[in-house]
PDB file of N, CA and C in Angstrom:
ATOM      1  N   UNK A   1     106.292  80.277  93.244  1.00  0.00           N
ATOM      2  CA  UNK A   1     106.270  78.987  92.989  1.00  0.00           C
ATOM      3  C   UNK A   1     104.745  78.932  92.180  1.00  0.00           C
ATOM      4  N   UNK A   2     104.698  78.602  91.341  1.00  0.00           N
ATOM      5  CA  UNK A   2     103.489  78.589  90.399  1.00  0.00           C
ATOM      6  C   UNK A   2     102.471  77.467  91.007  1.00  0.00           C
ATOM      7  N   UNK A   3     101.264  77.154  90.549  1.00  0.00           N
ATOM      8  CA  UNK A   3     100.187  76.079  90.769  1.00  0.00           C
ATOM      9  C   UNK A   3     100.667  75.024  90.112  1.00  0.00           C
ATOM     10  N   UNK A   4     101.452  75.189  89.181  1.00  0.00           N
ATOM     11  CA  UNK A   4     101.388  73.922  88.453  1.00  0.00           C
ATOM     12  C   UNK A   4     102.632  73.427  88.822  1.00  0.00           C
ATOM     13  N   UNK A   5     103.308  73.620  89.908  1.00  0.00           N
ATOM     14  CA  UNK A   5     104.797  73.171  90.420  1.00  0.00           C
ATOM     15  C   UNK A   5     104.347  71.855  90.772  1.00  0.00           C
ATOM     16  N   UNK A   6     105.283  70.559  90.276  1.00  0.00           N
ATOM     17  CA  UNK A   6     105.006  69.510  91.130  1.00  0.00           C
ATOM     18  C   UNK A   6     105.629  68.922  91.946  1.00  0.00           C
ATOM     19  N   UNK A   7     106.500  69.710  92.357  1.00  0.00           N
ATOM     20  CA  UNK A   7     107.523  69.844  93.988  1.00  0.00           C
ATOM     21  C   UNK A   7     107.683  70.299  94.504  1.00  0.00           C
ATOM     22  N   UNK A   8     106.242  70.902  95.181  1.00  0.00           N
ATOM     23  CA  UNK A   8     105.935  72.064  95.815  1.00  0.00           C
ATOM     24  C   UNK A   8     106.929  71.944  97.145  1.00  0.00           C
ATOM     25  N   UNK A   9     107.115  70.754  97.627  1.00  0.00           N
ATOM     26  CA  UNK A   9     108.058  70.652  99.298  1.00  0.00           C
ATOM     27  C   UNK A   9     109.699  71.221  98.522  1.00  0.00           C
ATOM     28  N   UNK A  10     109.925  70.678  97.233  1.00  0.00           N
ATOM     29  CA  UNK A  10     111.325  71.334  96.947  1.00  0.00           C
ATOM     30  C   UNK A  10     111.451  72.674  96.741  1.00  0.00           C
ATOM     31  N   UNK A  11     110.200  73.070  95.980  1.00  0.00           N
ATOM     32  CA  UNK A  11     110.134  74.569  95.516  1.00  0.00           C
ATOM     33  C   UNK A  11     110.251  75.334  97.017  1.00  0.00           C
ATOM     34  N   UNK A  12     109.347  74.831  97.928  1.00  0.00           N
ATOM     35  CA  UNK A  12     109.127  75.730  99.102  1.00  0.00           C
ATOM     36  C   UNK A  12     110.727  75.635 100.368  1.00  0.00           C
ATOM     37  N   UNK A  13     111.520  74.876 100.140  1.00  0.00           N
ATOM     38  CA  UNK A  13     112.673  74.414 100.444  1.00  0.00           C
ATOM     39  C   UNK A  13     113.354  75.534  99.772  1.00  0.00           C
ATOM     40  N   UNK A  14     113.501  75.346  98.464  1.00  0.00           N
ATOM     41  CA  UNK A  14     114.331  76.492  97.417  1.00  0.00           C
ATOM     42  C   UNK A  14     113.986  77.803  97.601  1.00  0.00           C
ATOM     43  N   UNK A  15     113.098  78.601  98.110  1.00  0.00           N
ATOM     44  CA  UNK A  15     112.613  79.449  98.701  1.00  0.00           C
ATOM     45  C   UNK A  15     113.027  79.904  99.867  1.00  0.00           C
ATOM     46  N   UNK A  16     112.510  78.856 100.402  1.00  0.00           N
ATOM     47  CA  UNK A  16     113.516  79.125 102.192  1.00  0.00           C
ATOM     48  C   UNK A  16     114.987  79.690 102.054  1.00  0.00           C
ATOM     49  N   UNK A  17     115.624  78.715 101.373  1.00  0.00           N
ATOM     50  CA  UNK A  17     117.038  78.446 101.287  1.00  0.00           C
ATOM     51  C   UNK A  17     117.495  80.137 100.801  1.00  0.00           C
ATOM     52  N   UNK A  18     116.750  80.458  99.789  1.00  0.00           N
ATOM     53  CA  UNK A  18     116.837  82.183  99.330  1.00  0.00           C
ATOM     54  C   UNK A  18     116.678  83.072  99.960  1.00  0.00           C
ATOM     55  N   UNK A  19     115.738  82.929 101.154  1.00  0.00           N
ATOM     56  CA  UNK A  19     115.486  84.142 101.824  1.00  0.00           C
ATOM     57  C   UNK A  19     116.276  83.606 103.077  1.00  0.00           C
ATOM     58  N   UNK A  20     116.978  82.525 103.404  1.00  0.00           N
ATOM     59  CA  UNK A  20     117.754  82.244 104.713  1.00  0.00           C
ATOM     60  C   UNK A  20     118.478  83.598 105.149  1.00  0.00           C
ATOM     61  N   UNK A  21     119.046  83.811 106.665  1.00  0.00           N
ATOM     62  CA  UNK A  21     120.137  84.699 106.862  1.00  0.00           C
ATOM     63  C   UNK A  21     120.868  84.421 106.272  1.00  0.00           C
ATOM     64  N   UNK A  22     121.654  83.232 105.924  1.00  0.00           N
ATOM     65  CA  UNK A  22     123.087  82.834 105.503  1.00  0.00           C
ATOM     66  C   UNK A  22     123.123  83.209 103.663  1.00  0.00           C
ATOM     67  N   UNK A  23     121.994  83.213 103.373  1.00  0.00           N
ATOM     68  CA  UNK A  23     121.857  83.309 101.802  1.00  0.00           C
ATOM     69  C   UNK A  23     121.795  84.812 101.669  1.00  0.00           C
ATOM     70  N   UNK A  24     120.856  85.591 102.584  1.00  0.00           N
ATOM     71  CA  UNK A  24     120.997  86.838 102.645  1.00  0.00           C
ATOM     72  C   UNK A  24     122.328  87.785 102.513  1.00  0.00           C
ATOM     73  N   UNK A  25     123.256  86.873 103.861  1.00  0.00           N
ATOM     74  CA  UNK A  25     124.555  87.509 104.110  1.00  0.00           C
ATOM     75  C   UNK A  25     125.314  87.221 102.960  1.00  0.00           C
ATOM     76  N   UNK A  26     125.259  86.201 102.353  1.00  0.00           N
ATOM     77  CA  UNK A  26     126.043  85.682 101.237  1.00  0.00           C
ATOM     78  C   UNK A  26     126.041  86.904 100.158  1.00  0.00           C
ATOM     79  N   UNK A  27     124.763  86.762  99.698  1.00  0.00           N
ATOM     80  CA  UNK A  27     124.089  88.103  98.383  1.00  0.00           C
ATOM     81  C   UNK A  27     124.580  89.193  99.194  1.00  0.00           C
ATOM     82  N   UNK A  28     124.690  89.708 100.244  1.00  0.00           N
ATOM     83  CA  UNK A  28     125.211  90.957 100.663  1.00  0.00           C
ATOM     84  C   UNK A  28     126.999  91.001 100.097  1.00  0.00           C
ATOM     85  N   UNK A  29     127.596  89.723 100.803  1.00  0.00           N
ATOM     86  CA  UNK A  29     128.870  89.812 100.529  1.00  0.00           C
ATOM     87  C   UNK A  29     129.468  89.849  99.107  1.00  0.00           C
ATOM     88  N   UNK A  30     128.991  89.067  98.714  1.00  0.00           N
ATOM     89  CA  UNK A  30     129.105  88.831  96.781  1.00  0.00           C
ATOM     90  C   UNK A  30     128.455  89.690  96.336  1.00  0.00           C
ATOM     91  N   UNK A  31     127.344  90.140  96.386  1.00  0.00           N
ATOM     92  CA  UNK A  31     126.869  90.887  94.957  1.00  0.00           C
ATOM     93  C   UNK A  31     126.517  92.306  95.552  1.00  0.00           C
ATOM     94  N   UNK A  32     127.017  92.506  97.020  1.00  0.00           N
ATOM     95  CA  UNK A  32     126.509  93.919  97.390  1.00  0.00           C
ATOM     96  C   UNK A  32     125.154  93.992  97.403  1.00  0.00           C
ATOM     97  N   UNK A  33     124.228  93.297  97.570  1.00  0.00           N
ATOM     98  CA  UNK A  33     122.851  93.748  97.936  1.00  0.00           C
ATOM     99  C   UNK A  33     122.397  93.756  98.985  1.00  0.00           C
ATOM    100  N   UNK A  34     121.202  94.622  99.056  1.00  0.00           N
ATOM    101  CA  UNK A  34     121.080  94.855 100.790  1.00  0.00           C
ATOM    102  C   UNK A  34     120.016  93.926 100.854  1.00  0.00           C
ATOM    103  N   UNK A  35     120.341  93.176 102.032  1.00  0.00           N
ATOM    104  CA  UNK A  35     119.500  91.947 102.663  1.00  0.00           C
ATOM    105  C   UNK A  35     118.116  92.143 102.611  1.00  0.00           C
ATOM    106  N   UNK A  36     117.040  91.138 102.563  1.00  0.00           N
ATOM    107  CA  UNK A  36     115.561  91.617 102.782  1.00  0.00           C
ATOM    108  C   UNK A  36     115.055  91.052 103.800  1.00  0.00           C
ATOM    109  N   UNK A  37     116.379  90.875 105.081  1.00  0.00           N
ATOM    110  CA  UNK A  37     116.046  90.461 106.701  1.00  0.00           C
ATOM    111  C   UNK A  37     116.968  91.463 107.405  1.00  0.00           C
ATOM    112  N   UNK A  38     116.223  91.985 108.332  1.00  0.00           N
ATOM    113  CA  UNK A  38     116.952  93.309 108.963  1.00  0.00           C
ATOM    114  C   UNK A  38     117.791  92.401 109.794  1.00  0.00           C
ATOM    115  N   UNK A  39     117.697  91.465 110.371  1.00  0.00           N
ATOM    116  CA  UNK A  39     118.673  90.756 111.171  1.00  0.00           C
ATOM    117  C   UNK A  39     119.699  90.514 110.983  1.00  0.00           C
ATOM    118  N   UNK A  40     120.040  90.247 109.303  1.00  0.00           N
ATOM    119  CA  UNK A  40     120.990  89.954 108.903  1.00  0.00           C
ATOM    120  C   UNK A  40     122.205  91.270 109.441  1.00  0.00           C
ATOM    121  N   UNK A  41     121.750  92.271 109.503  1.00  0.00           N
ATOM    122  CA  UNK A  41     122.488  93.288 109.509  1.00  0.00           C
ATOM    123  C   UNK A  41     123.335  93.663 110.514  1.00  0.00           C
ATOM    124  N   UNK A  42     122.929  92.573 111.405  1.00  0.00           N
ATOM    125  CA  UNK A  42     124.076  92.778 113.148  1.00  0.00           C
ATOM    126  C   UNK A  42     124.764  91.990 112.873  1.00  0.00           C
ATOM    127  N   UNK A  43     125.275  90.771 111.827  1.00  0.00           N
ATOM    128  CA  UNK A  43     126.348  90.437 111.123  1.00  0.00           C
ATOM    129  C   UNK A  43     127.571  91.240 111.399  1.00  0.00           C
ATOM    130  N   UNK A  44     128.702  91.243 111.994  1.00  0.00           N
ATOM    131  CA  UNK A  44     129.998  91.714 112.245  1.00  0.00           C
ATOM    132  C   UNK A  44     130.541  92.403 110.358  1.00  0.00           C
ATOM    133  N   UNK A  45     129.897  91.443 109.314  1.00  0.00           N
ATOM    134  CA  UNK A  45     130.576  92.272 108.051  1.00  0.00           C
ATOM    135  C   UNK A  45     130.259  93.547 107.992  1.00  0.00           C
ATOM    136  N   UNK A  46     128.808  93.780 107.942  1.00  0.00           N
ATOM    137  CA  UNK A  46     127.951  95.230 108.154  1.00  0.00           C
ATOM    138  C   UNK A  46     129.136  96.578 108.656  1.00  0.00           C
ATOM    139  N   UNK A  47     129.993  96.127 109.202  1.00  0.00           N
ATOM    140  CA  UNK A  47     130.960  97.272 110.309  1.00  0.00           C
ATOM    141  C   UNK A  47     131.843  96.991 109.502  1.00  0.00           C
ATOM    142  N   UNK A  48     132.520  96.439 108.116  1.00  0.00           N
ATOM    143  CA  UNK A  48     133.643  96.275 107.571  1.00  0.00           C
ATOM    144  C   UNK A  48     133.346  97.311 106.306  1.00  0.00           C
ATOM    145  N   UNK A  49     134.593  97.673 105.788  1.00  0.00           N
ATOM    146  CA  UNK A  49     134.612  98.449 104.794  1.00  0.00           C
ATOM    147  C   UNK A  49     133.754  98.101 103.593  1.00  0.00           C
ATOM    148  N   UNK A  50     133.974  97.049 103.402  1.00  0.00           N
ATOM    149  CA  UNK A  50     133.628  96.276 102.124  1.00  0.00           C
ATOM    150  C   UNK A  50     131.802  96.598 102.185  1.00  0.00           C
ATOM    151  N   UNK A  51     131.485  96.663 103.381  1.00  0.00           N
ATOM    152  CA  UNK A  51     130.052  96.918 103.334  1.00  0.00           C
ATOM    153  C   UNK A  51     129.565  98.371 103.504  1.00  0.00           C
ATOM    154  N   UNK A  52     130.142  99.226 102.952  1.00  0.00           N
ATOM    155  CA  UNK A  52     130.464 100.716 103.258  1.00  0.00           C
ATOM    156  C   UNK A  52     128.713 100.923 101.856  1.00  0.00           C
ATOM    157  N   UNK A  53     129.213 100.566 100.659  1.00  0.00           N
ATOM    158  CA  UNK A  53     127.804 100.802  99.526  1.00  0.00           C
ATOM    159  C   UNK A  53     126.828 100.790 100.156  1.00  0.00           C
ATOM    160  N   UNK A  54     126.547  99.371 100.969  1.00  0.00           N
ATOM    161  CA  UNK A  54     124.928  98.920 101.704  1.00  0.00           C
ATOM    162  C   UNK A  54     124.882  99.953 102.664  1.00  0.00           C
ATOM    163  N   UNK A  55     125.956 100.231 103.577  1.00  0.00           N
ATOM    164  CA  UNK A  55     125.524 101.004 104.633  1.00  0.00           C
ATOM    165  C   UNK A  55     125.126 102.387 103.894  1.00  0.00           C
ATOM    166  N   UNK A  56     125.475 102.981 103.172  1.00  0.00           N
ATOM    167  CA  UNK A  56     125.384 104.429 102.619  1.00  0.00           C
ATOM    168  C   UNK A  56     123.831 104.212 101.887  1.00  0.00           C
ATOM    169  N   UNK A  57     123.601 103.197 101.320  1.00  0.00           N
ATOM    170  CA  UNK A  57     122.214 103.006 100.788  1.00  0.00           C
ATOM    171  C   UNK A  57     121.028 103.095 101.932  1.00  0.00           C
ATOM    172  N   UNK A  58     121.268 101.977 103.056  1.00  0.00           N
ATOM    173  CA  UNK A  58     120.589 102.025 103.900  1.00  0.00           C
ATOM    174  C   UNK A  58     120.375 103.263 104.761  1.00  0.00           C
ATOM    175  N   UNK A  59     121.380 104.131 105.079  1.00  0.00           N
ATOM    176  CA  UNK A  59     121.193 105.445 105.511  1.00  0.00           C
ATOM    177  C   UNK A  59     120.461 106.140 104.838  1.00  0.00           C
ATOM    178  N   UNK A  60     120.400 105.854 103.435  1.00  0.00           N
ATOM    179  CA  UNK A  60     119.721 107.002 102.584  1.00  0.00           C
ATOM    180  C   UNK A  60     118.391 107.039 102.710  1.00  0.00           C
ATOM    181  N   UNK A  61     118.050 105.221 102.534  1.00  0.00           N
ATOM    182  CA  UNK A  61     116.636 104.729 102.394  1.00  0.00           C
ATOM    183  C   UNK A  61     116.018 105.262 103.753  1.00  0.00           C
ATOM    184  N   UNK A  62     116.739 104.893 104.789  1.00  0.00           N
ATOM    185  CA  UNK A  62     115.876 105.292 106.561  1.00  0.00           C
ATOM    186  C   UNK A  62     115.887 106.638 106.639  1.00  0.00           C
ATOM    187  N   UNK A  63     116.836 107.671 105.683  1.00  0.00           N
ATOM    188  CA  UNK A  63     116.708 109.334 105.881  1.00  0.00           C
ATOM    189  C   UNK A  63     115.390 109.626 104.979  1.00  0.00           C
ATOM    190  N   UNK A  64     115.331 109.087 104.167  1.00  0.00           N
ATOM    191  CA  UNK A  64     114.707 109.404 102.773  1.00  0.00           C
ATOM    192  C   UNK A  64     113.537 108.547 101.995  1.00  0.00           C
ATOM    193  N   UNK A  65     112.701 108.187 103.020  1.00  0.00           N
ATOM    194  CA  UNK A  65     111.515 107.008 102.524  1.00  0.00           C
ATOM    195  C   UNK A  65     110.807 107.401 101.668  1.00  0.00           C
ATOM    196  N   UNK A  66     110.698 106.259 101.000  1.00  0.00           N
ATOM    197  CA  UNK A  66     109.552 106.610  99.721  1.00  0.00           C
ATOM    198  C   UNK A  66     108.878 105.738 100.051  1.00  0.00           C
ATOM    199  N   UNK A  67     107.582 105.827  99.480  1.00  0.00           N
ATOM    200  CA  UNK A  67     106.813 104.971  99.119  1.00  0.00           C
ATOM    201  C   UNK A  67     106.857 104.374  97.927  1.00  0.00           C
ATOM    202  N   UNK A  68     106.706 103.111  97.801  1.00  0.00           N
ATOM    203  CA  UNK A  68     106.678 102.251  96.603  1.00  0.00           C
ATOM    204  C   UNK A  68     105.166 101.689  96.329  1.00  0.00           C
ATOM    205  N   UNK A  69     104.976 102.314  94.696  1.00  0.00           N
ATOM    206  CA  UNK A  69     103.735 101.924  94.347  1.00  0.00           C
ATOM    207  C   UNK A  69     104.088 100.908  92.976  1.00  0.00           C
ATOM    208  N   UNK A  70     103.364  99.807  93.546  1.00  0.00           N
ATOM    209  CA  UNK A  70     103.903  98.877  92.690  1.00  0.00           C
ATOM    210  C   UNK A  70     102.704  98.942  91.053  1.00  0.00           C
ATOM    211  N   UNK A  71     103.704  98.715  89.930  1.00  0.00           N
ATOM    212  CA  UNK A  71     102.810  99.059  88.818  1.00  0.00           C
ATOM    213  C   UNK A  71     101.648  97.829  88.602  1.00  0.00           C
ATOM    214  N   UNK A  72     100.640  98.468  87.832  1.00  0.00           N
ATOM    215  CA  UNK A  72     100.009  97.447  87.673  1.00  0.00           C
ATOM    216  C   UNK A  72      99.779  96.734  86.626  1.00  0.00           C
ATOM    217  N   UNK A  73      99.482  95.259  86.546  1.00  0.00           N
ATOM    218  CA  UNK A  73      99.645  94.361  85.616  1.00  0.00           C
ATOM    219  C   UNK A  73     101.123  94.301  84.910  1.00  0.00           C
ATOM    220  N   UNK A  74     101.881  94.439  85.944  1.00  0.00           N
ATOM    221  CA  UNK A  74     103.388  94.366  85.275  1.00  0.00           C
ATOM    222  C   UNK A  74     103.417  92.313  85.161  1.00  0.00           C
ATOM    223  N   UNK A  75     102.792  91.757  85.598  1.00  0.00           N
ATOM    224  CA  UNK A  75     103.134  90.074  85.298  1.00  0.00           C
ATOM    225  C   UNK A  75     102.715  90.050  83.774  1.00  0.00           C
ATOM    226  N   UNK A  76     101.587  90.519  83.348  1.00  0.00           N
ATOM    227  CA  UNK A  76     100.865  90.794  81.838  1.00  0.00           C
ATOM    228  C   UNK A  76     101.945  90.836  81.230  1.00  0.00           C
ATOM    229  N   UNK A  77     102.632  92.522  81.210  1.00  0.00           N
ATOM    230  CA  UNK A  77     103.521  92.595  80.495  1.00  0.00           C
ATOM    231  C   UNK A  77     104.712  92.187  80.243  1.00  0.00           C
ATOM    232  N   UNK A  78     105.279  91.379  81.646  1.00  0.00           N
ATOM    233  CA  UNK A  78     106.104  90.606  81.702  1.00  0.00           C
ATOM    234  C   UNK A  78     106.179  89.271  80.733  1.00  0.00           C
ATOM    235  N   UNK A  79     105.229  88.752  81.067  1.00  0.00           N
ATOM    236  CA  UNK A  79     104.530  87.261  80.217  1.00  0.00           C
ATOM    237  C   UNK A  79     104.864  87.742  78.436  1.00  0.00           C
ATOM    238  N   UNK A  80     104.384  88.842  78.039  1.00  0.00           N
ATOM    239  CA  UNK A  80     104.327  89.446  76.876  1.00  0.00           C
ATOM    240  C   UNK A  80     105.738  89.397  76.289  1.00  0.00           C
ATOM    241  N   UNK A  81     106.348  90.014  76.900  1.00  0.00           N
ATOM    242  CA  UNK A  81     107.758  90.554  76.590  1.00  0.00           C
ATOM    243  C   UNK A  81     108.580  89.262  76.237  1.00  0.00           C
ATOM    244  N   UNK A  82     108.415  88.174  77.521  1.00  0.00           N
ATOM    245  CA  UNK A  82     108.924  86.754  76.811  1.00  0.00           C
ATOM    246  C   UNK A  82     108.371  85.933  76.111  1.00  0.00           C
ATOM    247  N   UNK A  83     107.194  86.755  75.773  1.00  0.00           N
ATOM    248  CA  UNK A  83     106.600  85.639  74.696  1.00  0.00           C
ATOM    249  C   UNK A  83     107.414  86.326  73.301  1.00  0.00           C
ATOM    250  N   UNK A  84     107.674  87.449  73.631  1.00  0.00           N
ATOM    251  CA  UNK A  84     107.915  88.367  72.063  1.00  0.00           C
ATOM    252  C   UNK A  84     109.565  88.168  71.971  1.00  0.00           C
ATOM    253  N   UNK A  85     109.945  87.720  73.019  1.00  0.00           N
ATOM    254  CA  UNK A  85     111.859  87.175  73.041  1.00  0.00           C
ATOM    255  C   UNK A  85     111.659  86.085  72.103  1.00  0.00           C
ATOM    256  N   UNK A  86     110.651  84.738  72.608  1.00  0.00           N
ATOM    257  CA  UNK A  86     110.785  83.656  72.094  1.00  0.00           C
ATOM    258  C   UNK A  86     110.260  83.820  70.376  1.00  0.00           C
ATOM    259  N   UNK A  87     109.591  85.004  70.024  1.00  0.00           N
ATOM    260  CA  UNK A  87     109.236  84.819  68.903  1.00  0.00           C
ATOM    261  C   UNK A  87     110.621  85.579  68.158  1.00  0.00           C
ATOM    262  N   UNK A  88     111.263  86.444  68.635  1.00  0.00           N
ATOM    263  CA  UNK A  88     112.529  86.791  67.795  1.00  0.00           C
ATOM    264  C   UNK A  88     113.570  85.863  67.450  1.00  0.00           C
ATOM    265  N   UNK A  89     113.424  84.966  68.635  1.00  0.00           N
ATOM    266  CA  UNK A  89     114.671  83.878  68.726  1.00  0.00           C
ATOM    267  C   UNK A  89     114.408  83.053  67.634  1.00  0.00           C
ATOM    268  N   UNK A  90     112.680  83.050  66.744  1.00  0.00           N
ATOM    269  CA  UNK A  90     112.440  82.184  65.934  1.00  0.00           C
ATOM    270  C   UNK A  90     112.489  82.946  64.311  1.00  0.00           C
ATOM    271  N   UNK A  91     112.917  84.095  64.847  1.00  0.00           N
ATOM    272  CA  UNK A  91     113.198  84.827  63.578  1.00  0.00           C
ATOM    273  C   UNK A  91     112.286  86.235  63.082  1.00  0.00           C
ATOM    274  N   UNK A  92     111.050  86.020  63.782  1.00  0.00           N
ATOM    275  CA  UNK A  92     110.439  87.471  63.761  1.00  0.00           C
ATOM    276  C   UNK A  92     110.928  88.744  64.223  1.00  0.00           C
ATOM    277  N   UNK A  93     110.793  89.728  62.964  1.00  0.00           N
ATOM    278  CA  UNK A  93     111.355  91.202  63.302  1.00  0.00           C
ATOM    279  C   UNK A  93     111.029  91.757  64.536  1.00  0.00           C
ATOM    280  N   UNK A  94     112.161  91.998  65.108  1.00  0.00           N
ATOM    281  CA  UNK A  94     111.991  92.919  66.867  1.00  0.00           C
ATOM    282  C   UNK A  94     111.223  93.648  66.547  1.00  0.00           C
ATOM    283  N   UNK A  95     110.747  94.422  65.952  1.00  0.00           N
ATOM    284  CA  UNK A  95     110.067  95.847  65.823  1.00  0.00           C
ATOM    285  C   UNK A  95     108.453  95.344  66.137  1.00  0.00           C
ATOM    286  N   UNK A  96     108.090  94.389  64.850  1.00  0.00           N
ATOM    287  CA  UNK A  96     107.120  93.983  64.971  1.00  0.00           C
ATOM    288  C   UNK A  96     106.652  92.930  66.114  1.00  0.00           C
ATOM    289  N   UNK A  97     107.728  92.606  66.895  1.00  0.00           N
ATOM    290  CA  UNK A  97     107.263  91.278  68.031  1.00  0.00           C
ATOM    291  C   UNK A  97     106.853  92.534  69.064  1.00  0.00           C
ATOM    292  N   UNK A  98     107.613  93.579  69.437  1.00  0.00           N
ATOM    293  CA  UNK A  98     107.680  94.366  70.340  1.00  0.00           C
ATOM    294  C   UNK A  98     106.362  95.558  70.244  1.00  0.00           C
ATOM    295  N   UNK A  99     105.907  95.763  69.000  1.00  0.00           N
ATOM    296  CA  UNK A  99     105.104  96.218  68.303  1.00  0.00           C
ATOM    297  C   UNK A  99     103.571  95.933  69.088  1.00  0.00           C
ATOM    298  N   UNK A 100     103.376  94.509  68.926  1.00  0.00           N
ATOM    299  CA  UNK A 100     102.247  93.726  68.901  1.00  0.00           C
ATOM    300  C   UNK A 100     102.515  93.622  70.764  1.00  0.00           C
ATOM    301  N   UNK A 101     103.582  93.400  71.440  1.00  0.00           N
ATOM    302  CA  UNK A 101     103.222  93.978  72.596  1.00  0.00           C
ATOM    303  C   UNK A 101     103.014  94.822  73.019  1.00  0.00           C
ATOM    304  N   UNK A 102     103.351  96.255  72.494  1.00  0.00           N
ATOM    305  CA  UNK A 102     102.950  97.558  72.967  1.00  0.00           C
ATOM    306  C   UNK A 102     101.221  97.654  72.656  1.00  0.00           C
ATOM    307  N   UNK A 103     101.158  96.812  71.479  1.00  0.00           N
ATOM    308  CA  UNK A 103      99.588  97.350  71.230  1.00  0.00           C
ATOM    309  C   UNK A 103      98.683  96.629  71.956  1.00  0.00           C
ATOM    310  N   UNK A 104      98.955  95.227  72.184  1.00  0.00           N
ATOM    311  CA  UNK A 104      98.492  94.353  73.430  1.00  0.00           C
ATOM    312  C   UNK A 104      98.586  94.971  74.703  1.00  0.00           C
ATOM    313  N   UNK A 105      99.237  95.425  75.118  1.00  0.00           N
ATOM    314  CA  UNK A 105      99.478  96.128  76.573  1.00  0.00           C
ATOM    315  C   UNK A 105      98.269  97.403  76.971  1.00  0.00           C
ATOM    316  N   UNK A 106      98.552  98.253  75.849  1.00  0.00           N
ATOM    317  CA  UNK A 106      97.632  99.184  75.674  1.00  0.00           C
ATOM    318  C   UNK A 106      96.103  98.913  75.732  1.00  0.00           C
ATOM    319  N   UNK A 107      95.612  97.984  74.608  1.00  0.00           N
ATOM    320  CA  UNK A 107      94.148  97.359  74.771  1.00  0.00           C
ATOM    321  C   UNK A 107      94.204  96.845  76.193  1.00  0.00           C
ATOM    322  N   UNK A 108      95.107  96.404  76.992  1.00  0.00           N
ATOM    323  CA  UNK A 108      94.843  95.721  77.984  1.00  0.00           C
ATOM    324  C   UNK A 108      94.460  96.780  78.932  1.00  0.00           C
ATOM    325  N   UNK A 109      95.008  97.720  78.959  1.00  0.00           N
ATOM    326  CA  UNK A 109      95.155  98.830  79.636  1.00  0.00           C
ATOM    327  C   UNK A 109      93.692  99.934  80.216  1.00  0.00           C
ATOM    328  N   UNK A 110      93.418  99.515  78.954  1.00  0.00           N
ATOM    329  CA  UNK A 110      91.975 100.285  78.657  1.00  0.00           C
ATOM    330  C   UNK A 110      90.698  99.205  78.815  1.00  0.00           C
ATOM    331  N   UNK A 111      91.404  98.220  79.310  1.00  0.00           N
ATOM    332  CA  UNK A 111      89.836  97.195  79.395  1.00  0.00           C
ATOM    333  C   UNK A 111      89.518  96.435  78.622  1.00  0.00           C
TER     334      UNK A 111
END
């Protein structure tokens, strides 16, 4: 939720609903996504054949832990790519818009 959010309570409730155990279970069943809440894994559905891919992924993750390092400045890059996409929709050549994003990204990385 951004600082300019006009309906903070509604946005907070929306976020809570997305991470609720019920929504996490639904995401697992429908989209085959690993739930973000460990408690959801106690649901009987995770013992079913339909949950085989998730079980395989979880077994792999637990047996081969990897440290995840968040890349720096992805927020900036995502914003620039979104702006470039808007420019492309108005007719700006794709290569030109993306080259500008690349140039600005390199400049931002160098400080």
